[in-house]
């Protein structure tokens, strides 16, 4: 069997490829628009500074202290005390562990910056929670350490589009998936097809010469 034979067979079954693409794309688009839950993200950024920097310059010891506090502060953002206060202030109908699962905290490498990101099905809710978390976190640091070394750099903006749904990218994925599925079906059919295609296939498969063949005569 040559590549030419395989390509010829694929072309003869092109309808399977087209049908497979239509089915997969239709199913994928139905899932995207009817079953996939859109999620929105809002982020706020805070910076750790020295309390003494308000009245004077920032020293190397101030930066060292801030770097040492990064990990501690990252965990403090999602502490039960902070989140319980956020739930109370915003009157959220949720539990601490559920809210914690919506929040991610990342520190920017070699900086004293903390990025607080909130994910939610409601874009406005994500924005409100992100801003409230940073505000409560700032107050909590002051009440625990007695220092005002947290400054909010950027407040959370309202997300315009869900981050979990990318219609163009997903349509491309569905199209590729349909092509792969179609080709897989055609390949399986090709391997299972034991019919004789022409005189040459008899010679190749059985090693016997063909003495003659009857031409196909079209209807008059």
N, C-alpha and C. Protein backbone atom coordinates (compact mmCIF):
# COMPACT_ATOMS: atom_id res chain seq x y z
N UNK A 1 0.84 -1.20 0.00
CA UNK A 1 0.00 0.00 0.00
C UNK A 1 0.88 1.25 0.00
N UNK A 2 0.66 2.12 -0.97
CA UNK A 2 1.46 3.33 -1.08
C UNK A 2 0.74 4.52 -0.46
N UNK A 3 1.49 5.58 -0.28
CA UNK A 3 0.91 6.81 0.26
C UNK A 3 -0.17 7.34 -0.68
N UNK A 4 0.07 7.13 -1.97
CA UNK A 4 -0.91 7.57 -2.97
C UNK A 4 -2.24 6.85 -2.77
N UNK A 5 -2.16 5.56 -2.45
CA UNK A 5 -3.38 4.77 -2.21
C UNK A 5 -4.13 5.29 -0.99
N UNK A 6 -3.35 5.61 0.05
CA UNK A 6 -3.96 6.11 1.29
C UNK A 6 -4.64 7.45 1.05
N UNK A 7 -3.92 8.35 0.35
CA UNK A 7 -4.49 9.67 0.06
C UNK A 7 -5.74 9.55 -0.80
N UNK A 8 -5.69 8.63 -1.74
CA UNK A 8 -6.84 8.41 -2.61
C UNK A 8 -8.03 7.92 -1.80
N UNK A 9 -7.75 7.05 -0.82
CA UNK A 9 -8.82 6.52 0.03
C UNK A 9 -9.40 7.62 0.92
N UNK A 10 -8.51 8.46 1.45
CA UNK A 10 -8.96 9.58 2.30
C UNK A 10 -9.88 10.51 1.52
N UNK A 11 -9.48 10.81 0.28
CA UNK A 11 -10.31 11.69 -0.57
C UNK A 11 -11.66 11.06 -0.87
N UNK A 12 -11.67 9.73 -1.00
CA UNK A 12 -12.94 9.06 -1.29
C UNK A 12 -13.87 9.06 -0.08
N UNK A 13 -13.27 9.27 1.11
CA UNK A 13 -14.07 9.30 2.35
C UNK A 13 -14.07 10.70 2.97
N UNK A 14 -13.90 11.71 2.14
CA UNK A 14 -13.80 13.09 2.65
C UNK A 14 -15.06 13.51 3.39
N UNK A 15 -16.18 12.91 3.04
CA UNK A 15 -17.45 13.25 3.71
C UNK A 15 -17.41 12.89 5.19
N UNK A 16 -16.65 11.82 5.53
CA UNK A 16 -16.51 11.43 6.94
C UNK A 16 -15.74 12.50 7.69
N UNK A 17 -14.70 13.03 7.05
CA UNK A 17 -13.89 14.08 7.66
C UNK A 17 -14.73 15.33 7.92
N UNK A 18 -15.51 15.71 6.92
CA UNK A 18 -16.36 16.90 7.04
C UNK A 18 -17.42 16.70 8.12
N UNK A 19 -18.04 15.53 8.13
CA UNK A 19 -19.07 15.23 9.12
C UNK A 19 -18.50 15.23 10.53
N UNK A 20 -17.31 14.69 10.69
CA UNK A 20 -16.65 14.65 11.98
C UNK A 20 -16.36 16.07 12.49
N UNK A 21 -15.89 16.93 11.60
CA UNK A 21 -15.61 18.32 11.98
C UNK A 21 -16.89 19.02 12.42
N UNK A 22 -17.96 18.82 11.65
CA UNK A 22 -19.23 19.48 11.98
C UNK A 22 -19.74 19.03 13.34
N UNK A 23 -19.67 17.72 13.61
CA UNK A 23 -20.17 17.18 14.87
C UNK A 23 -19.36 17.70 16.05
N UNK A 24 -18.03 17.66 15.94
CA UNK A 24 -17.17 18.09 17.05
C UNK A 24 -17.30 19.58 17.30
N UNK A 25 -17.30 20.39 16.23
CA UNK A 25 -17.43 21.84 16.40
C UNK A 25 -18.78 22.20 17.00
N UNK A 26 -19.83 21.55 16.53
CA UNK A 26 -21.18 21.82 17.06
C UNK A 26 -21.26 21.46 18.54
N UNK A 27 -20.74 20.30 18.89
CA UNK A 27 -20.76 19.87 20.29
C UNK A 27 -19.91 20.79 21.15
N UNK A 28 -18.76 21.20 20.62
CA UNK A 28 -17.88 22.09 21.37
C UNK A 28 -18.49 23.46 21.60
N UNK A 29 -19.10 24.02 20.57
CA UNK A 29 -19.73 25.34 20.70
C UNK A 29 -20.93 25.27 21.64
N UNK A 30 -21.65 24.17 21.61
CA UNK A 30 -22.78 24.01 22.54
C UNK A 30 -22.28 24.00 23.98
N UNK A 31 -21.18 23.29 24.22
CA UNK A 31 -20.59 23.25 25.56
C UNK A 31 -20.12 24.64 25.99
N UNK A 32 -19.47 25.36 25.07
CA UNK A 32 -18.93 26.68 25.39
C UNK A 32 -20.03 27.66 25.78
N UNK A 33 -21.10 27.69 25.01
CA UNK A 33 -22.13 28.70 25.21
C UNK A 33 -23.23 28.28 26.20
N UNK A 34 -23.37 26.98 26.47
CA UNK A 34 -24.47 26.54 27.32
C UNK A 34 -24.06 25.84 28.60
N UNK A 35 -22.86 25.29 28.65
CA UNK A 35 -22.47 24.50 29.81
C UNK A 35 -21.25 25.04 30.54
N UNK A 36 -20.32 25.68 29.82
CA UNK A 36 -19.11 26.18 30.46
C UNK A 36 -19.40 27.45 31.25
N UNK A 37 -19.00 27.47 32.50
CA UNK A 37 -19.25 28.62 33.36
C UNK A 37 -18.19 29.69 33.14
N UNK A 38 -18.57 30.89 32.73
CA UNK A 38 -17.59 31.96 32.55
C UNK A 38 -17.07 32.45 33.90
N UNK A 39 -15.77 32.59 34.02
CA UNK A 39 -15.14 33.07 35.25
C UNK A 39 -14.39 34.36 34.96
N UNK A 40 -14.47 35.29 35.91
CA UNK A 40 -13.83 36.60 35.74
C UNK A 40 -12.76 36.78 36.81
N UNK A 41 -11.73 37.54 36.46
CA UNK A 41 -10.64 37.80 37.40
C UNK A 41 -10.42 39.30 37.57
N UNK A 42 -10.14 39.67 38.81
CA UNK A 42 -9.74 41.04 39.11
C UNK A 42 -8.55 40.98 40.04
N UNK A 43 -7.58 41.85 39.80
CA UNK A 43 -6.36 41.82 40.60
C UNK A 43 -6.04 43.18 41.19
N UNK A 44 -5.49 43.14 42.37
CA UNK A 44 -5.00 44.35 43.02
C UNK A 44 -3.56 44.12 43.42
N UNK A 45 -2.79 45.17 43.48
CA UNK A 45 -1.36 45.04 43.78
C UNK A 45 -1.00 45.92 44.98
N UNK A 46 -0.26 45.33 45.90
CA UNK A 46 0.20 46.08 47.07
C UNK A 46 1.71 45.98 47.16
N UNK A 47 2.32 46.94 47.84
CA UNK A 47 3.76 46.94 48.00
C UNK A 47 4.11 47.02 49.47
N UNK A 48 5.15 46.32 49.86
CA UNK A 48 5.63 46.34 51.24
C UNK A 48 6.72 47.39 51.36
N UNK A 49 6.54 48.31 52.27
CA UNK A 49 7.55 49.34 52.51
C UNK A 49 7.83 49.41 54.00
N UNK A 50 8.86 50.15 54.36
CA UNK A 50 9.16 50.32 55.77
C UNK A 50 8.32 51.45 56.33
N UNK A 51 7.89 51.29 57.54
CA UNK A 51 7.10 52.33 58.20
C UNK A 51 7.90 53.62 58.31
N UNK A 52 9.22 53.49 58.41
CA UNK A 52 10.07 54.68 58.55
C UNK A 52 10.24 55.43 57.25
N UNK A 53 9.89 54.76 56.10
CA UNK A 53 10.08 55.39 54.80
C UNK A 53 9.07 56.49 54.55
N UNK A 54 8.03 56.56 55.39
CA UNK A 54 7.05 57.63 55.24
C UNK A 54 7.68 58.98 55.56
N UNK A 55 8.60 58.97 56.54
CA UNK A 55 9.24 60.23 56.95
C UNK A 55 10.66 60.36 56.44
N UNK A 56 11.25 59.25 56.00
CA UNK A 56 12.63 59.31 55.52
C UNK A 56 12.85 58.41 54.34
N UNK A 57 14.10 58.20 53.91
CA UNK A 57 14.41 57.35 52.77
C UNK A 57 14.37 55.88 53.14
N UNK A 58 14.27 55.03 52.12
CA UNK A 58 14.26 53.59 52.32
C UNK A 58 15.70 53.08 52.37
N UNK A 59 16.04 52.36 53.44
CA UNK A 59 17.38 51.84 53.60
C UNK A 59 17.43 50.37 53.17
N UNK A 60 18.67 49.84 53.10
CA UNK A 60 18.83 48.44 52.71
C UNK A 60 18.21 47.51 53.75
N UNK A 61 18.24 47.90 55.00
CA UNK A 61 17.63 47.08 56.05
C UNK A 61 16.11 47.04 55.91
N UNK A 62 15.56 48.15 55.42
CA UNK A 62 14.11 48.20 55.18
C UNK A 62 13.73 47.20 54.09
N UNK A 63 14.53 47.14 53.03
CA UNK A 63 14.25 46.23 51.92
C UNK A 63 14.40 44.78 52.36
N UNK A 64 15.44 44.51 53.18
CA UNK A 64 15.64 43.15 53.69
C UNK A 64 14.46 42.70 54.54
N UNK A 65 13.97 43.61 55.40
CA UNK A 65 12.82 43.30 56.24
C UNK A 65 11.59 43.00 55.38
N UNK A 66 11.39 43.80 54.34
CA UNK A 66 10.24 43.58 53.46
C UNK A 66 10.33 42.25 52.76
N UNK A 67 11.52 41.89 52.28
CA UNK A 67 11.71 40.61 51.60
C UNK A 67 11.42 39.43 52.53
N UNK A 68 11.81 39.56 53.78
CA UNK A 68 11.58 38.50 54.75
C UNK A 68 10.11 38.34 55.09
N UNK A 69 9.36 39.43 54.95
CA UNK A 69 7.94 39.41 55.29
C UNK A 69 7.04 38.96 54.13
N UNK A 70 7.62 38.86 52.93
CA UNK A 70 6.81 38.53 51.74
C UNK A 70 6.02 37.23 51.93
N UNK A 71 6.71 36.15 52.33
CA UNK A 71 6.04 34.87 52.50
C UNK A 71 5.01 34.91 53.61
N UNK A 72 5.37 35.59 54.70
CA UNK A 72 4.42 35.71 55.82
C UNK A 72 3.18 36.46 55.40
N UNK A 73 3.36 37.55 54.70
CA UNK A 73 2.23 38.37 54.26
C UNK A 73 1.38 37.64 53.22
N UNK A 74 2.02 36.84 52.37
CA UNK A 74 1.29 36.08 51.36
C UNK A 74 0.29 35.13 52.00
N UNK A 75 0.71 34.52 53.10
CA UNK A 75 -0.19 33.61 53.83
C UNK A 75 -1.22 34.38 54.64
N UNK A 76 -0.85 35.56 55.10
CA UNK A 76 -1.76 36.37 55.90
C UNK A 76 -2.95 36.86 55.07
N UNK A 77 -2.73 37.10 53.79
CA UNK A 77 -3.80 37.58 52.91
C UNK A 77 -5.00 36.65 52.92
N UNK A 78 -4.73 35.34 52.91
CA UNK A 78 -5.82 34.36 52.86
C UNK A 78 -6.06 33.69 54.21
N UNK A 79 -5.65 34.35 55.28
CA UNK A 79 -5.90 33.81 56.62
C UNK A 79 -7.38 33.88 56.95
N UNK A 80 -7.80 33.04 57.87
CA UNK A 80 -9.22 32.97 58.26
C UNK A 80 -9.71 34.31 58.80
N UNK A 81 -8.88 34.97 59.58
CA UNK A 81 -9.27 36.24 60.18
C UNK A 81 -9.56 37.30 59.12
N UNK A 82 -8.66 37.39 58.13
CA UNK A 82 -8.82 38.38 57.06
C UNK A 82 -10.06 38.06 56.23
N UNK A 83 -10.21 36.81 55.82
CA UNK A 83 -11.33 36.44 54.95
C UNK A 83 -12.67 36.53 55.67
N UNK A 84 -12.68 36.21 56.96
CA UNK A 84 -13.92 36.31 57.72
C UNK A 84 -14.37 37.77 57.81
N UNK A 85 -13.41 38.67 57.93
CA UNK A 85 -13.72 40.10 57.96
C UNK A 85 -14.25 40.57 56.61
N UNK A 86 -13.65 40.07 55.53
CA UNK A 86 -14.10 40.42 54.18
C UNK A 86 -15.54 39.95 53.97
N UNK A 87 -15.82 38.72 54.37
CA UNK A 87 -17.18 38.17 54.23
C UNK A 87 -18.18 39.01 55.01
N UNK A 88 -17.79 39.41 56.20
CA UNK A 88 -18.68 40.23 57.04
C UNK A 88 -18.90 41.62 56.44
N UNK A 89 -17.82 42.25 55.99
CA UNK A 89 -17.91 43.61 55.44
C UNK A 89 -18.76 43.66 54.17
N UNK A 90 -18.59 42.66 53.30
CA UNK A 90 -19.32 42.65 52.02
C UNK A 90 -20.63 41.87 52.10
N UNK A 91 -20.88 41.27 53.27
CA UNK A 91 -22.10 40.48 53.47
C UNK A 91 -22.21 39.37 52.41
N UNK A 92 -21.13 38.65 52.27
CA UNK A 92 -21.09 37.57 51.28
C UNK A 92 -21.74 36.32 51.83
N UNK A 93 -22.47 35.63 50.98
CA UNK A 93 -23.10 34.38 51.36
C UNK A 93 -22.18 33.23 50.96
N UNK A 94 -21.09 33.10 51.67
CA UNK A 94 -20.10 32.07 51.35
C UNK A 94 -19.32 31.72 52.60
N UNK A 95 -18.55 30.64 52.53
CA UNK A 95 -17.72 30.22 53.65
C UNK A 95 -16.27 30.61 53.40
N UNK A 96 -15.51 30.61 54.49
CA UNK A 96 -14.10 31.04 54.40
C UNK A 96 -13.32 30.19 53.42
N UNK A 97 -13.47 28.87 53.50
CA UNK A 97 -12.70 27.99 52.61
C UNK A 97 -13.09 28.18 51.14
N UNK A 98 -14.38 28.45 50.90
CA UNK A 98 -14.83 28.71 49.53
C UNK A 98 -14.21 29.99 48.99
N UNK A 99 -14.21 31.02 49.81
CA UNK A 99 -13.62 32.30 49.40
C UNK A 99 -12.12 32.16 49.21
N UNK A 100 -11.48 31.39 50.06
CA UNK A 100 -10.03 31.19 49.95
C UNK A 100 -9.66 30.54 48.62
N UNK A 101 -10.53 29.64 48.15
CA UNK A 101 -10.28 28.97 46.88
C UNK A 101 -10.36 29.91 45.68
N UNK A 102 -10.98 31.06 45.87
CA UNK A 102 -11.12 32.02 44.77
C UNK A 102 -9.96 33.01 44.72
N UNK A 103 -9.10 32.99 45.74
CA UNK A 103 -8.04 33.99 45.86
C UNK A 103 -6.67 33.36 45.65
N UNK A 104 -5.86 34.01 44.84
CA UNK A 104 -4.46 33.59 44.67
C UNK A 104 -3.56 34.78 44.95
N UNK A 105 -2.45 34.49 45.60
CA UNK A 105 -1.50 35.55 45.97
C UNK A 105 -0.13 35.17 45.41
N UNK A 106 0.44 36.08 44.64
CA UNK A 106 1.76 35.85 44.06
C UNK A 106 2.65 37.06 44.30
N UNK A 107 3.89 36.78 44.58
CA UNK A 107 4.86 37.86 44.76
C UNK A 107 5.69 38.00 43.49
N UNK A 108 5.97 39.23 43.12
CA UNK A 108 6.80 39.50 41.94
C UNK A 108 8.25 39.29 42.32
N UNK A 109 8.96 38.47 41.58
CA UNK A 109 10.34 38.12 41.88
C UNK A 109 11.23 39.35 42.06
N UNK A 110 12.03 39.32 43.12
CA UNK A 110 13.01 40.38 43.43
C UNK A 110 12.37 41.73 43.69
N UNK A 111 11.12 41.72 44.11
CA UNK A 111 10.44 42.97 44.45
C UNK A 111 9.68 42.77 45.76
N UNK A 112 9.12 43.86 46.26
CA UNK A 112 8.29 43.79 47.47
C UNK A 112 6.81 43.90 47.10
N UNK A 113 6.48 43.48 45.87
CA UNK A 113 5.11 43.58 45.38
C UNK A 113 4.35 42.28 45.57
N UNK A 114 3.09 42.42 45.97
CA UNK A 114 2.20 41.27 46.09
C UNK A 114 0.99 41.49 45.18
N UNK A 115 0.70 40.49 44.36
CA UNK A 115 -0.47 40.56 43.47
C UNK A 115 -1.57 39.66 44.04
N UNK A 116 -2.71 40.26 44.33
CA UNK A 116 -3.85 39.53 44.88
C UNK A 116 -4.91 39.42 43.79
N UNK A 117 -5.20 38.19 43.37
CA UNK A 117 -6.14 37.96 42.28
C UNK A 117 -7.35 37.18 42.78
N UNK A 118 -8.53 37.63 42.40
CA UNK A 118 -9.77 36.97 42.81
C UNK A 118 -10.52 36.50 41.56
N UNK A 119 -11.00 35.27 41.58
CA UNK A 119 -11.78 34.70 40.47
C UNK A 119 -13.21 34.47 40.94
N UNK A 120 -14.15 34.85 40.11
CA UNK A 120 -15.56 34.68 40.48
C UNK A 120 -16.42 34.64 39.21
N UNK A 121 -17.62 34.05 39.34
CA UNK A 121 -18.54 34.01 38.21
C UNK A 121 -19.11 35.38 37.90
N UNK A 122 -19.08 36.27 38.89
CA UNK A 122 -19.58 37.64 38.74
C UNK A 122 -18.40 38.60 38.68
N UNK A 123 -18.27 39.35 37.59
CA UNK A 123 -17.14 40.26 37.41
C UNK A 123 -17.11 41.33 38.49
N UNK A 124 -18.26 41.88 38.82
CA UNK A 124 -18.34 42.93 39.84
C UNK A 124 -17.98 42.38 41.21
N UNK A 125 -18.41 41.16 41.49
CA UNK A 125 -18.10 40.53 42.78
C UNK A 125 -16.60 40.30 42.91
N UNK A 126 -15.96 39.88 41.83
CA UNK A 126 -14.51 39.65 41.84
C UNK A 126 -13.78 40.94 42.15
N UNK A 127 -14.23 42.04 41.55
CA UNK A 127 -13.60 43.34 41.79
C UNK A 127 -13.79 43.78 43.24
N UNK A 128 -15.01 43.66 43.75
CA UNK A 128 -15.30 44.08 45.12
C UNK A 128 -14.49 43.29 46.14
N UNK A 129 -14.40 41.98 45.92
CA UNK A 129 -13.66 41.13 46.86
C UNK A 129 -12.18 41.46 46.83
N UNK A 130 -11.62 41.63 45.64
CA UNK A 130 -10.19 41.93 45.52
C UNK A 130 -9.83 43.22 46.25
N UNK A 131 -10.62 44.26 46.05
CA UNK A 131 -10.35 45.53 46.72
C UNK A 131 -10.54 45.45 48.22
N UNK A 132 -11.54 44.70 48.65
CA UNK A 132 -11.79 44.57 50.08
C UNK A 132 -10.71 43.74 50.77
N UNK A 133 -10.25 42.69 50.10
CA UNK A 133 -9.18 41.85 50.66
C UNK A 133 -7.92 42.67 50.90
N UNK A 134 -7.54 43.47 49.90
CA UNK A 134 -6.33 44.29 50.06
C UNK A 134 -6.50 45.31 51.18
N UNK A 135 -7.69 45.87 51.31
CA UNK A 135 -7.95 46.86 52.35
C UNK A 135 -7.92 46.24 53.75
N UNK A 136 -8.58 45.10 53.89
CA UNK A 136 -8.60 44.41 55.18
C UNK A 136 -7.21 43.90 55.53
N UNK A 137 -6.51 43.38 54.54
CA UNK A 137 -5.14 42.91 54.75
C UNK A 137 -4.24 44.03 55.27
N UNK A 138 -4.35 45.20 54.69
CA UNK A 138 -3.56 46.36 55.11
C UNK A 138 -3.85 46.70 56.58
N UNK A 139 -5.13 46.70 56.93
CA UNK A 139 -5.52 47.01 58.31
C UNK A 139 -5.04 45.93 59.29
N UNK A 140 -5.12 44.67 58.84
CA UNK A 140 -4.73 43.56 59.71
C UNK A 140 -3.24 43.58 60.00
N UNK A 141 -2.43 43.93 59.02
CA UNK A 141 -0.98 44.04 59.23
C UNK A 141 -0.67 45.09 60.28
N UNK A 142 -1.37 46.20 60.21
CA UNK A 142 -1.14 47.28 61.18
C UNK A 142 -1.55 46.85 62.59
N UNK A 143 -2.67 46.11 62.69
CA UNK A 143 -3.14 45.68 64.01
C UNK A 143 -2.25 44.61 64.62
N UNK A 144 -1.59 43.81 63.79
CA UNK A 144 -0.73 42.74 64.28
C UNK A 144 0.68 43.24 64.59
N UNK A 145 1.26 43.96 63.62
CA UNK A 145 2.65 44.38 63.75
C UNK A 145 2.81 45.80 64.29
N UNK A 146 1.74 46.57 64.24
CA UNK A 146 1.84 47.95 64.70
C UNK A 146 2.61 48.84 63.75
N UNK A 147 2.75 48.41 62.50
CA UNK A 147 3.45 49.21 61.50
C UNK A 147 2.58 49.37 60.26
N UNK A 148 2.69 50.50 59.64
CA UNK A 148 1.90 50.78 58.44
C UNK A 148 2.80 50.65 57.22
N UNK A 149 3.14 49.42 56.87
CA UNK A 149 4.10 49.21 55.78
C UNK A 149 3.47 48.57 54.54
N UNK A 150 2.15 48.68 54.41
CA UNK A 150 1.47 48.18 53.23
C UNK A 150 0.80 49.34 52.50
N UNK A 151 1.12 49.48 51.23
CA UNK A 151 0.49 50.51 50.41
C UNK A 151 -0.15 49.86 49.20
N UNK A 152 -1.38 50.24 48.88
CA UNK A 152 -2.07 49.70 47.72
C UNK A 152 -1.60 50.46 46.48
N UNK A 153 -0.97 49.74 45.56
CA UNK A 153 -0.44 50.35 44.34
C UNK A 153 -1.53 50.48 43.28
N UNK A 154 -2.22 49.39 43.01
CA UNK A 154 -3.29 49.37 42.01
C UNK A 154 -4.54 48.73 42.59
N UNK A 155 -5.65 49.42 42.46
CA UNK A 155 -6.93 48.85 42.85
C UNK A 155 -7.42 47.93 41.74
N UNK A 156 -8.31 47.03 42.09
CA UNK A 156 -8.82 46.06 41.10
C UNK A 156 -9.77 46.74 40.12
N UNK A 157 -9.63 46.41 38.85
CA UNK A 157 -10.52 46.91 37.81
C UNK A 157 -11.60 45.88 37.52
N UNK A 158 -12.67 46.32 36.91
CA UNK A 158 -13.76 45.42 36.53
C UNK A 158 -13.37 44.67 35.26
N UNK A 159 -13.38 43.34 35.32
CA UNK A 159 -13.03 42.52 34.16
C UNK A 159 -14.09 42.67 33.08
N UNK A 160 -13.65 42.86 31.85
CA UNK A 160 -14.58 43.05 30.73
C UNK A 160 -15.00 41.74 30.08
N UNK A 161 -14.16 40.73 30.20
CA UNK A 161 -14.45 39.44 29.56
C UNK A 161 -13.97 38.30 30.45
N UNK A 162 -14.61 37.14 30.40
CA UNK A 162 -14.17 36.00 31.21
C UNK A 162 -12.83 35.47 30.74
N UNK A 163 -12.02 35.03 31.68
CA UNK A 163 -10.69 34.52 31.32
C UNK A 163 -10.74 33.03 30.98
N UNK A 164 -11.85 32.38 31.31
CA UNK A 164 -11.95 30.94 31.05
C UNK A 164 -12.47 30.62 29.66
N UNK A 165 -12.99 31.62 28.96
CA UNK A 165 -13.55 31.38 27.63
C UNK A 165 -12.84 32.23 26.59
N UNK A 166 -12.24 31.56 25.62
CA UNK A 166 -11.62 32.23 24.48
C UNK A 166 -12.23 31.60 23.23
N UNK A 167 -13.24 32.25 22.68
CA UNK A 167 -14.03 31.66 21.60
C UNK A 167 -13.18 31.29 20.39
N UNK A 168 -12.28 32.18 20.00
CA UNK A 168 -11.44 31.90 18.83
C UNK A 168 -10.54 30.70 19.06
N UNK A 169 -9.86 30.68 20.19
CA UNK A 169 -8.94 29.58 20.50
C UNK A 169 -9.69 28.26 20.62
N UNK A 170 -10.84 28.28 21.30
CA UNK A 170 -11.59 27.04 21.48
C UNK A 170 -12.16 26.52 20.17
N UNK A 171 -12.58 27.42 19.28
CA UNK A 171 -13.06 26.99 17.97
C UNK A 171 -11.95 26.31 17.17
N UNK A 172 -10.74 26.84 17.28
CA UNK A 172 -9.59 26.21 16.61
C UNK A 172 -9.34 24.82 17.17
N UNK A 173 -9.42 24.70 18.51
CA UNK A 173 -9.24 23.39 19.15
C UNK A 173 -10.29 22.39 18.66
N UNK A 174 -11.54 22.84 18.60
CA UNK A 174 -12.62 21.95 18.16
C UNK A 174 -12.41 21.52 16.70
N UNK A 175 -11.96 22.46 15.86
CA UNK A 175 -11.73 22.15 14.46
C UNK A 175 -10.63 21.11 14.29
N UNK A 176 -9.52 21.32 15.00
CA UNK A 176 -8.41 20.37 14.95
C UNK A 176 -8.85 19.01 15.48
N UNK A 177 -9.63 19.03 16.57
CA UNK A 177 -10.14 17.78 17.14
C UNK A 177 -11.02 17.03 16.15
N UNK A 178 -11.87 17.77 15.42
CA UNK A 178 -12.73 17.15 14.42
C UNK A 178 -11.93 16.53 13.29
N UNK A 179 -10.88 17.22 12.84
CA UNK A 179 -10.03 16.69 11.77
C UNK A 179 -9.32 15.42 12.22
N UNK A 180 -8.76 15.46 13.43
CA UNK A 180 -8.05 14.28 13.96
C UNK A 180 -9.00 13.09 14.10
N UNK A 181 -10.19 13.34 14.63
CA UNK A 181 -11.17 12.26 14.80
C UNK A 181 -11.58 11.69 13.44
N UNK A 182 -11.82 12.57 12.47
CA UNK A 182 -12.21 12.13 11.14
C UNK A 182 -11.14 11.29 10.48
N UNK A 183 -9.88 11.74 10.57
CA UNK A 183 -8.77 10.99 9.99
C UNK A 183 -8.60 9.64 10.69
N UNK A 184 -8.81 9.61 11.99
CA UNK A 184 -8.69 8.35 12.74
C UNK A 184 -9.73 7.35 12.27
N UNK A 185 -10.96 7.83 12.07
CA UNK A 185 -12.03 6.94 11.60
C UNK A 185 -11.72 6.41 10.20
N UNK A 186 -11.26 7.31 9.33
CA UNK A 186 -10.93 6.91 7.96
C UNK A 186 -9.78 5.90 7.95
N UNK A 187 -8.80 6.10 8.80
CA UNK A 187 -7.65 5.19 8.88
C UNK A 187 -8.09 3.79 9.33
N UNK A 188 -8.97 3.75 10.32
CA UNK A 188 -9.48 2.46 10.80
C UNK A 188 -10.25 1.76 9.69
N UNK A 189 -11.08 2.50 8.98
CA UNK A 189 -11.85 1.92 7.87
C UNK A 189 -10.91 1.41 6.77
N UNK A 190 -9.84 2.13 6.53
CA UNK A 190 -8.87 1.74 5.51
C UNK A 190 -8.19 0.43 5.89
N UNK A 191 -7.84 0.29 7.16
CA UNK A 191 -7.17 -0.92 7.62
C UNK A 191 -8.10 -2.13 7.59
N UNK A 192 -9.38 -1.89 7.80
CA UNK A 192 -10.35 -2.98 7.82
C UNK A 192 -10.90 -3.31 6.43
N UNK A 193 -10.61 -2.46 5.47
CA UNK A 193 -11.14 -2.66 4.11
C UNK A 193 -10.31 -3.71 3.37
N UNK A 194 -10.91 -4.85 3.11
CA UNK A 194 -10.20 -5.95 2.43
C UNK A 194 -10.65 -6.14 0.99
N UNK A 195 -11.41 -5.21 0.47
CA UNK A 195 -11.89 -5.34 -0.90
C UNK A 195 -10.76 -5.07 -1.89
N UNK A 196 -10.90 -5.66 -3.10
CA UNK A 196 -9.92 -5.48 -4.15
C UNK A 196 -10.22 -4.19 -4.90
N UNK A 197 -9.25 -3.31 -4.94
CA UNK A 197 -9.49 -2.00 -5.55
C UNK A 197 -9.25 -2.02 -7.07
N UNK A 198 -8.17 -2.71 -7.50
CA UNK A 198 -7.83 -2.76 -8.92
C UNK A 198 -6.95 -3.98 -9.20
N UNK A 199 -6.57 -4.13 -10.47
CA UNK A 199 -5.76 -5.28 -10.87
C UNK A 199 -4.39 -5.27 -10.20
N UNK A 200 -3.83 -4.08 -10.03
CA UNK A 200 -2.50 -3.99 -9.44
C UNK A 200 -2.49 -4.51 -7.99
N UNK A 201 -3.59 -4.25 -7.25
CA UNK A 201 -3.65 -4.71 -5.86
C UNK A 201 -3.66 -6.23 -5.79
N UNK A 202 -4.21 -6.90 -6.82
CA UNK A 202 -4.20 -8.37 -6.85
C UNK A 202 -2.77 -8.87 -7.03
N UNK A 203 -2.05 -8.25 -7.95
CA UNK A 203 -0.66 -8.65 -8.19
C UNK A 203 0.20 -8.41 -6.96
N UNK A 204 -0.01 -7.26 -6.28
CA UNK A 204 0.81 -6.92 -5.12
C UNK A 204 0.51 -7.83 -3.93
N UNK A 205 -0.77 -8.14 -3.71
CA UNK A 205 -1.16 -8.90 -2.52
C UNK A 205 -1.00 -10.41 -2.68
N UNK A 206 -1.28 -10.90 -3.90
CA UNK A 206 -1.27 -12.34 -4.08
C UNK A 206 -0.11 -12.86 -4.94
N UNK A 207 0.59 -11.95 -5.60
CA UNK A 207 1.75 -12.35 -6.38
C UNK A 207 1.42 -13.12 -7.64
N UNK A 208 0.23 -12.96 -8.16
CA UNK A 208 -0.15 -13.66 -9.39
C UNK A 208 -0.47 -12.63 -10.46
N UNK A 209 -0.14 -12.95 -11.70
CA UNK A 209 -0.39 -11.98 -12.77
C UNK A 209 -1.87 -11.93 -13.14
N UNK A 210 -2.28 -10.78 -13.56
CA UNK A 210 -3.65 -10.60 -14.04
C UNK A 210 -3.66 -10.76 -15.54
N UNK A 211 -4.44 -11.72 -16.03
CA UNK A 211 -4.46 -12.01 -17.45
C UNK A 211 -5.35 -11.03 -18.23
N UNK A 212 -6.34 -10.49 -17.54
CA UNK A 212 -7.22 -9.56 -18.22
C UNK A 212 -8.23 -8.97 -17.25
N UNK A 213 -8.89 -7.96 -17.66
CA UNK A 213 -9.89 -7.31 -16.82
C UNK A 213 -11.05 -6.86 -17.68
N UNK A 214 -12.21 -6.80 -17.08
CA UNK A 214 -13.41 -6.36 -17.79
C UNK A 214 -13.65 -4.90 -17.51
N UNK A 215 -13.63 -4.07 -18.50
CA UNK A 215 -13.82 -2.63 -18.28
C UNK A 215 -15.25 -2.33 -17.84
N UNK A 216 -15.39 -1.27 -17.09
CA UNK A 216 -16.71 -0.83 -16.67
C UNK A 216 -17.40 -0.12 -17.83
N UNK A 217 -18.60 -0.57 -18.16
CA UNK A 217 -19.34 0.01 -19.27
C UNK A 217 -20.49 0.83 -18.69
N UNK A 218 -20.48 2.09 -19.01
CA UNK A 218 -21.52 2.97 -18.49
C UNK A 218 -22.85 2.71 -19.15
N UNK A 219 -23.94 3.08 -18.49
CA UNK A 219 -25.27 2.92 -19.04
C UNK A 219 -25.50 3.89 -20.17
N UNK A 220 -26.18 3.40 -21.23
CA UNK A 220 -26.50 4.27 -22.36
C UNK A 220 -27.85 4.91 -22.16
